[in-house]
Amino acid sequence: MADTRDPIARLKDKIERSGWGTSVDETMSFVQPELVSIYGLWRARADLAGALPRREDLDLRSLKPYLEHLSVVERVEVAPGKSGYRLRLQGSFLGEVFGHHTGKLLDEVVSPELAERWTYIYDALLEMKRPLRLQGTYRQETMEHLIAESLAVPLGNGDAPPVSVLAATYYRSRYKDEA
């Protein structure tokens, strides 16, 4: 059983118990070089601010090479006492893969299983207020050959608790022998 005080331990326990096909890596040991660069940019802005960087601290000029792989979700109240996540930004590559859903609630655009998974991960990330490397696979027929590698980072919200997550996701084949 996970240490209930440690959000990373709780997240890893939930992933294992749920069989989500996702792994969490706090070491930030990325395979994808673009994720190394984005993490470096986020880290530099965090160090400069002495806190979580806000969305406006990460300017479009510095993020331009990665925009098609970026998404920003924001935790919003969807009913009294119930929160969900709204897609505030969805890169064009992600839009091609999942459909264009900027402005929509997560549970309106993905399966209930994916909505539960991503909501739990985003909630844990906002609670721990630190970046994570995530890697996972999909059970969808058209994507089962892919491995997704993501950087997910919380974004600051002034003096209030963070409510937004910036994620960058890249895909590679799980079959090493492909040309």
Foldseek 3Di string as FASTA:
>chain_A
DFDPVQLVSVLQVCCVVVVQQKDKDPVQPDPDVVSVQVVVQQVVLCVVVVARAAPVSCDCVSCVVQQQQKWKWFWDDPDVVDIFIATQGHHVVRCVVQNDRHGHTPPVRDPPVVRVSVVSVLVSQLVVQAKIWMKGADPDPVTRQKIKIKIKGFHDDPPDRTGMIMMGIDIDGPDPPDD
